[in-house]
Amino acid sequence: MDWHLIKAMVWVETGALSSEWHFRPMQIGVKGDPGMTSFLSGKEGGELILPDAWKKQLTVATIRTTPLNNLRAGIGYLLMRMAQFEHRTILTVDSKIYDVTVKPGDSLAKIAKAQGSTLELLQKLNPQVKILRAGQTLKCQKANARRVIAGWRSISTTTIALRYNGGGDPNYSRKLDYALSLIKKGKSALCK
């Protein structure tokens, strides 16, 4: 990620003369901003971005009062919004393939749940099975479905405006473009 983009975001969100600069350089710490709650909730992908070592240190209070933690949360939220998440089957540590016998009333989903596996993996291990019959033997393997980062969206001023800013400021992308052009020209000394 280009650090110039982060600097441009800080310029746009705080402004050079604002007292917020000393506490909350990014808007993520402002009361009512949904980004902080979203990032810290552990339900929207922030848990995959935020390292375990930081989970106790990055709190609502520290994001609102410590500039460095505010920046960390803002960048973390940006990464969360740029990530492309999927649920994928992840094998457990004991990933041996074993046999399971089908009982009356079983379905692949029911067997997967009972065996601590996933429907996707049972289908992959047993591609020939179309109809289940009691007494039939299936291959099974322990696994679970987890949310993972499958890829990243392109990071640009436009995607930042859409995904990070959420349309709150219709001029956010233009402001980022302007700040970024000044930063890249080395005119950062103009903002005092």
C-alpha atoms as a PDB file:
ATOM      1  CA  MET A   1       0.000   0.000   0.000  1.00  0.00           C
ATOM      2  CA  ASP A   2       1.264   3.433  -0.886  1.00  0.00           C
ATOM      3  CA  TRP A   3       1.890   5.447   2.285  1.00  0.00           C
ATOM      4  CA  HIS A   4       1.166   8.595   0.281  1.00  0.00           C
ATOM      5  CA  LEU A   5      -2.484   7.497   0.132  1.00  0.00           C
ATOM      6  CA  ILE A   6      -2.628   7.203   3.921  1.00  0.00           C
ATOM      7  CA  LYS A   7      -1.059  10.635   4.317  1.00  0.00           C
ATOM      8  CA  ALA A   8      -3.598  12.072   1.855  1.00  0.00           C
ATOM      9  CA  MET A   9      -6.420  10.443   3.836  1.00  0.00           C
ATOM     10  CA  VAL A  10      -5.132  12.022   7.045  1.00  0.00           C
ATOM     11  CA  TRP A  11      -4.920  15.439   5.384  1.00  0.00           C
ATOM     12  CA  VAL A  12      -8.442  15.137   4.010  1.00  0.00           C
ATOM     13  CA  GLU A  13      -9.975  13.784   7.213  1.00  0.00           C
ATOM     14  CA  THR A  14      -8.328  16.058   9.752  1.00  0.00           C
ATOM     15  CA  GLY A  15      -6.972  19.120   8.037  1.00  0.00           C
ATOM     16  CA  ALA A  16      -3.773  20.815   9.043  1.00  0.00           C
ATOM     17  CA  LEU A  17      -5.236  23.363  11.473  1.00  0.00           C
ATOM     18  CA  SER A  18      -7.675  21.113  13.348  1.00  0.00           C
ATOM     19  CA  SER A  19      -7.070  20.315  17.025  1.00  0.00           C
ATOM     20  CA  GLU A  20      -8.214  16.760  16.211  1.00  0.00           C
ATOM     21  CA  TRP A  21      -4.765  16.268  14.668  1.00  0.00           C
ATOM     22  CA  HIS A  22      -3.353  15.721  18.172  1.00  0.00           C
ATOM     23  CA  PHE A  23      -5.865  13.002  19.124  1.00  0.00           C
ATOM     24  CA  ARG A  24      -7.697  11.586  16.118  1.00  0.00           C
ATOM     25  CA  PRO A  25      -5.864  12.179  12.855  1.00  0.00           C
ATOM     26  CA  MET A  26      -8.377   9.890  11.117  1.00  0.00           C
ATOM     27  CA  GLN A  27     -12.161  10.100  11.427  1.00  0.00           C
ATOM     28  CA  ILE A  28     -12.402   6.525  12.713  1.00  0.00           C
ATOM     29  CA  GLY A  29     -12.149   7.836  16.291  1.00  0.00           C
ATOM     30  CA  VAL A  30     -14.957  10.361  16.003  1.00  0.00           C
ATOM     31  CA  LYS A  31     -18.097   9.593  18.019  1.00  0.00           C
ATOM     32  CA  GLY A  32     -20.732   8.035  15.813  1.00  0.00           C
ATOM     33  CA  ASP A  33     -18.306   6.894  13.111  1.00  0.00           C
ATOM     34  CA  PRO A  34     -19.383   3.313  12.284  1.00  0.00           C
ATOM     35  CA  GLY A  35     -15.916   2.296  11.045  1.00  0.00           C
ATOM     36  CA  MET A  36     -14.437   1.759  14.501  1.00  0.00           C
ATOM     37  CA  THR A  37     -17.309  -0.455  15.686  1.00  0.00           C
ATOM     38  CA  SER A  38     -17.198  -2.381  12.436  1.00  0.00           C
ATOM     39  CA  PHE A  39     -13.440  -2.921  12.643  1.00  0.00           C
ATOM     40  CA  LEU A  40     -13.407  -3.969  16.314  1.00  0.00           C
ATOM     41  CA  SER A  41     -16.565  -6.128  16.215  1.00  0.00           C
ATOM     42  CA  GLY A  42     -14.807  -9.301  15.092  1.00  0.00           C
ATOM     43  CA  LYS A  43     -17.733 -10.020  12.783  1.00  0.00           C
ATOM     44  CA  GLU A  44     -16.902  -8.124   9.599  1.00  0.00           C
ATOM     45  CA  GLY A  45     -13.346  -9.233   8.849  1.00  0.00           C
ATOM     46  CA  GLY A  46     -11.387  -6.959  11.184  1.00  0.00           C
ATOM     47  CA  GLU A  47     -10.403 -10.044  13.166  1.00  0.00           C
ATOM     48  CA  LEU A  48      -8.455 -11.243  10.115  1.00  0.00           C
ATOM     49  CA  ILE A  49      -6.667  -7.903   9.723  1.00  0.00           C
ATOM     50  CA  LEU A  50      -5.875  -7.061  13.345  1.00  0.00           C
ATOM     51  CA  PRO A  51      -3.015  -9.149  14.784  1.00  0.00           C
ATOM     52  CA  ASP A  52      -3.834 -10.915  18.068  1.00  0.00           C
ATOM     53  CA  ALA A  53      -1.096  -8.933  19.828  1.00  0.00           C
ATOM     54  CA  TRP A  54      -3.020  -5.717  19.103  1.00  0.00           C
ATOM     55  CA  LYS A  55      -6.536  -6.838  20.038  1.00  0.00           C
ATOM     56  CA  LYS A  56      -6.191  -5.754  23.681  1.00  0.00           C
ATOM     57  CA  GLN A  57      -4.302  -2.553  22.883  1.00  0.00           C
ATOM     58  CA  LEU A  58      -6.565  -1.245  20.134  1.00  0.00           C
ATOM     59  CA  THR A  59      -9.748  -0.289  21.984  1.00  0.00           C
ATOM     60  CA  VAL A  60     -12.426   2.365  21.572  1.00  0.00           C
ATOM     61  CA  ALA A  61     -10.657   4.478  24.215  1.00  0.00           C
ATOM     62  CA  THR A  62      -7.159   4.201  22.725  1.00  0.00           C
ATOM     63  CA  ILE A  63      -8.420   4.780  19.179  1.00  0.00           C
ATOM     64  CA  ARG A  64     -10.067   8.001  20.347  1.00  0.00           C
ATOM     65  CA  THR A  65      -7.164   9.306  22.444  1.00  0.00           C
ATOM     66  CA  THR A  66      -3.900   7.936  21.043  1.00  0.00           C
ATOM     67  CA  PRO A  67      -2.992   9.261  17.578  1.00  0.00           C
ATOM     68  CA  LEU A  68      -0.869   6.224  16.685  1.00  0.00           C
ATOM     69  CA  ASN A  69      -3.666   3.808  17.621  1.00  0.00           C
ATOM     70  CA  ASN A  70      -6.120   5.975  15.700  1.00  0.00           C
ATOM     71  CA  LEU A  71      -3.915   5.638  12.612  1.00  0.00           C
ATOM     72  CA  ARG A  72      -3.581   1.883  13.149  1.00  0.00           C
ATOM     73  CA  ALA A  73      -7.353   1.512  13.391  1.00  0.00           C
ATOM     74  CA  GLY A  74      -7.925   3.701  10.330  1.00  0.00           C
ATOM     75  CA  ILE A  75      -5.461   1.712   8.254  1.00  0.00           C
ATOM     76  CA  GLY A  76      -6.873  -1.559   9.620  1.00  0.00           C
ATOM     77  CA  TYR A  77     -10.389  -0.485   8.693  1.00  0.00           C
ATOM     78  CA  LEU A  78      -9.175   0.510   5.223  1.00  0.00           C
ATOM     79  CA  LEU A  79      -7.588  -2.932   4.767  1.00  0.00           C
ATOM     80  CA  MET A  80     -10.766  -4.610   6.014  1.00  0.00           C
ATOM     81  CA  ARG A  81     -12.854  -2.678   3.500  1.00  0.00           C
ATOM     82  CA  MET A  82     -10.441  -3.490   0.660  1.00  0.00           C
ATOM     83  CA  ALA A  83     -10.240  -7.204   1.459  1.00  0.00           C
ATOM     84  CA  GLN A  84     -12.324  -9.715  -0.447  1.00  0.00           C
ATOM     85  CA  PHE A  85     -13.598 -12.328   1.994  1.00  0.00           C
ATOM     86  CA  GLU A  86     -14.816 -15.851   1.325  1.00  0.00           C
ATOM     87  CA  HIS A  87     -15.785 -18.809   3.448  1.00  0.00           C
ATOM     88  CA  ARG A  88     -13.501 -21.722   2.668  1.00  0.00           C
ATOM     89  CA  THR A  89     -13.061 -25.217   4.000  1.00  0.00           C
ATOM     90  CA  ILE A  90      -9.989 -25.419   6.209  1.00  0.00           C
ATOM     91  CA  LEU A  91      -8.688 -28.833   7.254  1.00  0.00           C
ATOM     92  CA  THR A  92      -8.124 -29.358  10.969  1.00  0.00           C
ATOM     93  CA  VAL A  93      -4.782 -30.445  12.400  1.00  0.00           C
ATOM     94  CA  ASP A  94      -5.893 -34.093  12.403  1.00  0.00           C
ATOM     95  CA  SER A  95      -6.690 -34.239   8.708  1.00  0.00           C
ATOM     96  CA  LYS A  96      -6.760 -38.014   8.210  1.00  0.00           C
ATOM     97  CA  ILE A  97      -9.356 -39.357   5.811  1.00  0.00           C
ATOM     98  CA  TYR A  98     -11.626 -41.942   7.427  1.00  0.00           C
ATOM     99  CA  ASP A  99     -14.795 -43.875   6.595  1.00  0.00           C
ATOM    100  CA  VAL A 100     -18.301 -43.039   7.796  1.00  0.00           C
ATOM    101  CA  THR A 101     -21.355 -45.268   7.420  1.00  0.00           C
ATOM    102  CA  VAL A 102     -24.591 -43.640   6.263  1.00  0.00           C
ATOM    103  CA  LYS A 103     -27.550 -44.108   8.632  1.00  0.00           C
ATOM    104  CA  PRO A 104     -31.246 -43.898   7.732  1.00  0.00           C
ATOM    105  CA  GLY A 105     -32.325 -40.250   7.367  1.00  0.00           C
ATOM    106  CA  ASP A 106     -28.774 -38.962   6.852  1.00  0.00           C
ATOM    107  CA  SER A 107     -27.908 -36.227   4.407  1.00  0.00           C
ATOM    108  CA  LEU A 108     -24.434 -35.027   3.459  1.00  0.00           C
ATOM    109  CA  ALA A 109     -25.031 -31.842   5.460  1.00  0.00           C
ATOM    110  CA  LYS A 110     -26.143 -33.827   8.533  1.00  0.00           C
ATOM    111  CA  ILE A 111     -23.111 -36.135   8.290  1.00  0.00           C
ATOM    112  CA  ALA A 112     -20.753 -33.179   7.821  1.00  0.00           C
ATOM    113  CA  LYS A 113     -22.117 -31.486  10.943  1.00  0.00           C
ATOM    114  CA  ALA A 114     -22.011 -34.682  13.034  1.00  0.00           C
ATOM    115  CA  GLN A 115     -18.464 -35.488  11.915  1.00  0.00           C
ATOM    116  CA  GLY A 116     -17.015 -31.970  12.285  1.00  0.00           C
ATOM    117  CA  SER A 117     -16.522 -31.557   8.561  1.00  0.00           C
ATOM    118  CA  THR A 118     -18.092 -29.484   5.793  1.00  0.00           C
ATOM    119  CA  LEU A 119     -20.579 -30.279   3.064  1.00  0.00           C
ATOM    120  CA  GLU A 120     -18.098 -28.969   0.483  1.00  0.00           C
ATOM    121  CA  LEU A 121     -15.378 -31.384   1.644  1.00  0.00           C
ATOM    122  CA  LEU A 122     -17.730 -34.397   1.787  1.00  0.00           C
ATOM    123  CA  GLN A 123     -18.809 -33.678  -1.788  1.00  0.00           C
ATOM    124  CA  LYS A 124     -15.179 -33.367  -2.875  1.00  0.00           C
ATOM    125  CA  LEU A 125     -14.170 -36.639  -1.168  1.00  0.00           C
ATOM    126  CA  ASN A 126     -17.208 -38.505  -2.533  1.00  0.00           C
ATOM    127  CA  PRO A 127     -17.819 -37.155  -6.066  1.00  0.00           C
ATOM    128  CA  GLN A 128     -19.551 -40.353  -7.198  1.00  0.00           C
ATOM    129  CA  VAL A 129     -22.272 -40.144  -4.525  1.00  0.00           C
ATOM    130  CA  LYS A 130     -25.530 -38.707  -5.852  1.00  0.00           C
ATOM    131  CA  ILE A 131     -28.087 -40.478  -3.610  1.00  0.00           C
ATOM    132  CA  LEU A 132     -27.362 -41.640  -0.058  1.00  0.00           C
ATOM    133  CA  ARG A 133     -28.406 -45.101   1.080  1.00  0.00           C
ATOM    134  CA  ALA A 134     -28.294 -46.521   4.601  1.00  0.00           C
ATOM    135  CA  GLY A 135     -25.180 -48.667   5.041  1.00  0.00           C
ATOM    136  CA  GLN A 136     -23.244 -46.840   2.340  1.00  0.00           C
ATOM    137  CA  THR A 137     -19.624 -45.937   3.212  1.00  0.00           C
ATOM    138  CA  LEU A 138     -18.366 -42.393   2.636  1.00  0.00           C
ATOM    139  CA  LYS A 139     -14.942 -40.822   2.948  1.00  0.00           C
ATOM    140  CA  CYS A 140     -14.755 -38.052   5.546  1.00  0.00           C
ATOM    141  CA  GLN A 141     -12.162 -35.646   6.918  1.00  0.00           C
ATOM    142  CA  LYS A 142     -12.275 -33.156   9.806  1.00  0.00           C
ATOM    143  CA  ALA A 143     -12.560 -29.554   8.636  1.00  0.00           C
ATOM    144  CA  ASN A 144     -14.486 -26.370   9.206  1.00  0.00           C
ATOM    145  CA  ALA A 145     -15.583 -23.416   7.145  1.00  0.00           C
ATOM    146  CA  ARG A 146     -13.839 -20.161   7.984  1.00  0.00           C
ATOM    147  CA  ARG A 147     -13.839 -16.684   6.618  1.00  0.00           C
ATOM    148  CA  VAL A 148     -10.540 -15.974   4.864  1.00  0.00           C
ATOM    149  CA  ILE A 149      -9.093 -13.126   2.855  1.00  0.00           C
ATOM    150  CA  ALA A 150      -9.329 -14.416  -0.703  1.00  0.00           C
ATOM    151  CA  GLY A 151      -7.993 -11.318  -2.430  1.00  0.00           C
ATOM    152  CA  TRP A 152      -7.777  -7.554  -2.456  1.00  0.00           C
ATOM    153  CA  ARG A 153      -9.644  -4.858  -4.282  1.00  0.00           C
ATOM    154  CA  SER A 154      -7.601  -2.347  -6.197  1.00  0.00           C
ATOM    155  CA  ILE A 155      -6.627   0.485  -3.849  1.00  0.00           C
ATOM    156  CA  SER A 156      -7.223   3.873  -5.434  1.00  0.00           C
ATOM    157  CA  THR A 157      -8.726   7.171  -4.373  1.00  0.00           C
ATOM    158  CA  THR A 158     -12.018   6.068  -5.934  1.00  0.00           C
ATOM    159  CA  THR A 159     -12.212   2.715  -4.138  1.00  0.00           C
ATOM    160  CA  ILE A 160     -11.152   4.365  -0.876  1.00  0.00           C
ATOM    161  CA  ALA A 161     -13.954   6.910  -1.271  1.00  0.00           C
ATOM    162  CA  LEU A 162     -16.517   4.190  -1.995  1.00  0.00           C
ATOM    163  CA  ARG A 163     -15.459   1.454   0.419  1.00  0.00           C
ATOM    164  CA  TYR A 164     -13.726   3.300   3.276  1.00  0.00           C
ATOM    165  CA  ASN A 165     -15.565   6.620   3.302  1.00  0.00           C
ATOM    166  CA  GLY A 166     -18.840   4.999   2.308  1.00  0.00           C
ATOM    167  CA  GLY A 167     -20.100   7.974   0.349  1.00  0.00           C
ATOM    168  CA  GLY A 168     -20.260  10.207   3.427  1.00  0.00           C
ATOM    169  CA  ASP A 169     -18.463  12.976   1.550  1.00  0.00           C
ATOM    170  CA  PRO A 170     -19.289  13.084  -2.172  1.00  0.00           C
ATOM    171  CA  ASN A 171     -16.038  14.982  -2.795  1.00  0.00           C
ATOM    172  CA  TYR A 172     -13.803  12.605  -0.810  1.00  0.00           C
ATOM    173  CA  SER A 173     -12.196  11.076  -3.907  1.00  0.00           C
ATOM    174  CA  ARG A 174     -11.464  14.502  -5.435  1.00  0.00           C
ATOM    175  CA  LYS A 175     -10.015  15.736  -2.141  1.00  0.00           C
ATOM    176  CA  LEU A 176      -7.785  12.645  -1.950  1.00  0.00           C
ATOM    177  CA  ASP A 177      -6.628  13.182  -5.533  1.00  0.00           C
ATOM    178  CA  TYR A 178      -5.743  16.803  -4.755  1.00  0.00           C
ATOM    179  CA  ALA A 179      -3.906  16.001  -1.497  1.00  0.00           C
ATOM    180  CA  LEU A 180      -2.108  13.097  -3.162  1.00  0.00           C
ATOM    181  CA  SER A 181      -0.925  15.308  -6.024  1.00  0.00           C
ATOM    182  CA  LEU A 182       0.543  17.814  -3.537  1.00  0.00           C
ATOM    183  CA  ILE A 183       2.228  15.083  -1.505  1.00  0.00           C
ATOM    184  CA  LYS A 184       3.767  13.474  -4.585  1.00  0.00           C
ATOM    185  CA  LYS A 185       5.043  16.847  -5.806  1.00  0.00           C
ATOM    186  CA  GLY A 186       6.796  17.307  -2.468  1.00  0.00           C
ATOM    187  CA  LYS A 187       4.578  20.208  -1.438  1.00  0.00           C
ATOM    188  CA  SER A 188       3.777  18.727   1.964  1.00  0.00           C
ATOM    189  CA  ALA A 189       5.592  21.606   3.677  1.00  0.00           C
ATOM    190  CA  LEU A 190       2.769  23.930   2.569  1.00  0.00           C
ATOM    191  CA  CYS A 191       0.412  22.458   5.179  1.00  0.00           C
ATOM    192  CA  LYS A 192       1.422  23.837   8.557  1.00  0.00           C
END
